[in-house]
Amino acid sequence: MLLRQILRLSSLFRSAVSVHVRRNIGLSAIVFNKTKELDPVQKLFLDKIREYNTKSKQAGGPVDAGPDFQKDMNESLARLQRAYGDGDLTKFPEFKFEEPKFEETPK
């Protein structure tokens, strides 16, 4: 009986330790990848994404979008407004849910 309890506790201990070790290995892999030098292709990709992000913030919208893009965007918004009604289609809609009114019926 004592041997059974020891074996059961050892299996619980083993599973808890294995979960803990897997988590630590996963976290250390993420930290290691951030600290080590990226390969040139990854570095170039991240540099281009960061460059686009700064250009996008400066331009206040899409980067290097010509007048054709703006024309297409306005036509699409006009078509959507005709189809779905008025409102600003460039913003996420706000939903308002009202609580249902329940009436208590006499028994």
Protein backbone atom coordinates (compact mmCIF):
# COMPACT_ATOMS: atom_id res chain seq x y z
CA MET A 1 0.00 0.00 0.00
CA LEU A 2 2.80 2.39 0.85
CA LEU A 3 4.59 1.38 -2.33
CA ARG A 4 1.47 2.19 -4.39
CA GLN A 5 1.22 5.66 -2.87
CA ILE A 6 4.90 6.32 -3.52
CA LEU A 7 4.55 5.21 -7.15
CA ARG A 8 1.45 7.36 -7.60
CA LEU A 9 3.16 10.40 -6.10
CA SER A 10 6.24 9.81 -8.21
CA SER A 11 4.13 9.72 -11.39
CA LEU A 12 2.37 12.96 -10.37
CA PHE A 13 5.73 14.53 -9.58
CA ARG A 14 7.15 13.35 -12.92
CA SER A 15 4.23 14.82 -14.90
CA ALA A 16 4.42 18.14 -13.04
CA VAL A 17 8.16 18.38 -13.62
CA SER A 18 7.80 17.51 -17.30
CA VAL A 19 5.20 20.25 -17.82
CA HIS A 20 7.42 22.74 -16.00
CA VAL A 21 10.50 21.76 -18.03
CA ARG A 22 8.59 21.97 -21.34
CA ARG A 23 7.37 25.48 -20.47
CA ASN A 24 10.87 26.62 -19.53
CA ILE A 25 12.36 25.17 -22.70
CA GLY A 26 9.68 26.91 -24.77
CA LEU A 27 10.30 30.26 -23.09
CA SER A 28 14.06 29.95 -23.30
CA ALA A 29 13.79 29.16 -27.03
CA ILE A 30 11.84 32.38 -27.58
CA VAL A 31 14.36 34.43 -25.59
CA PHE A 32 17.26 32.75 -27.38
CA ASN A 33 15.76 33.52 -30.79
CA LYS A 34 15.34 37.18 -29.89
CA THR A 35 18.90 37.54 -28.66
CA LYS A 36 20.68 35.67 -31.42
CA GLU A 37 21.42 37.34 -34.73
CA LEU A 38 18.76 36.82 -37.39
CA ASP A 39 19.66 35.40 -40.73
CA PRO A 40 19.94 38.01 -43.53
CA VAL A 41 16.58 37.22 -45.14
CA GLN A 42 14.69 37.51 -41.86
CA LYS A 43 16.53 40.71 -41.01
CA LEU A 44 15.69 42.21 -44.43
CA PHE A 45 12.03 41.20 -44.05
CA LEU A 46 11.75 42.77 -40.58
CA ASP A 47 13.53 45.93 -41.76
CA LYS A 48 11.07 46.32 -44.64
CA ILE A 49 8.08 45.82 -42.33
CA ARG A 50 9.43 48.43 -39.89
CA GLU A 51 10.14 50.84 -42.77
CA TYR A 52 6.59 50.40 -44.13
CA ASN A 53 5.18 50.95 -40.63
CA THR A 54 6.97 54.28 -40.23
CA LYS A 55 5.98 55.41 -43.75
CA SER A 56 2.38 54.40 -43.10
CA LYS A 57 2.26 56.42 -39.88
CA GLN A 58 3.74 59.46 -41.64
CA ALA A 59 1.37 59.20 -44.61
CA GLY A 60 -1.66 58.45 -42.44
CA GLY A 61 -2.78 55.57 -44.65
CA PRO A 62 -1.52 53.27 -47.38
CA VAL A 63 2.02 53.92 -48.61
CA ASP A 64 2.68 54.78 -52.27
CA ALA A 65 -1.02 54.66 -53.12
CA GLY A 66 -1.73 56.67 -56.22
CA PRO A 67 -4.90 58.44 -57.32
CA ASP A 68 -6.22 55.18 -58.84
CA PHE A 69 -6.25 53.56 -55.41
CA GLN A 70 -8.14 56.49 -53.88
CA LYS A 71 -10.62 56.46 -56.78
CA ASP A 72 -11.24 52.72 -56.39
CA MET A 73 -11.62 53.13 -52.63
CA ASN A 74 -14.21 55.91 -53.02
CA GLU A 75 -16.16 53.88 -55.59
CA SER A 76 -16.18 50.84 -53.31
CA LEU A 77 -17.34 52.90 -50.34
CA ALA A 78 -20.11 54.50 -52.43
CA ARG A 79 -21.26 51.06 -53.65
CA LEU A 80 -21.30 49.71 -50.08
CA GLN A 81 -23.24 52.73 -48.81
CA ARG A 82 -25.85 52.20 -51.52
CA ALA A 83 -26.12 48.54 -50.62
CA TYR A 84 -26.10 48.82 -46.81
CA GLY A 85 -27.36 52.29 -46.05
CA ASP A 86 -25.79 55.41 -44.69
CA GLY A 87 -23.06 55.69 -42.11
CA ASP A 88 -19.30 55.86 -41.97
CA LEU A 89 -18.04 52.62 -43.47
CA THR A 90 -14.42 53.27 -42.52
CA LYS A 91 -15.14 52.80 -38.78
CA PHE A 92 -16.06 49.69 -36.89
CA PRO A 93 -19.77 49.72 -36.02
CA GLU A 94 -20.88 50.31 -32.46
CA PHE A 95 -23.32 47.80 -31.09
CA LYS A 96 -25.83 48.64 -28.41
CA PHE A 97 -27.59 45.77 -26.74
CA GLU A 98 -30.55 46.53 -24.53
CA GLU A 99 -31.56 44.30 -21.70
CA PRO A 100 -34.77 42.43 -22.46
CA LYS A 101 -37.76 43.42 -20.36
CA PHE A 102 -39.21 40.43 -18.60
CA GLU A 103 -42.66 40.50 -17.12
CA GLU A 104 -43.51 38.40 -14.18
CA THR A 105 -46.71 36.45 -14.73
CA PRO A 106 -48.89 35.53 -11.76
CA LYS A 107 -49.17 31.86 -10.99
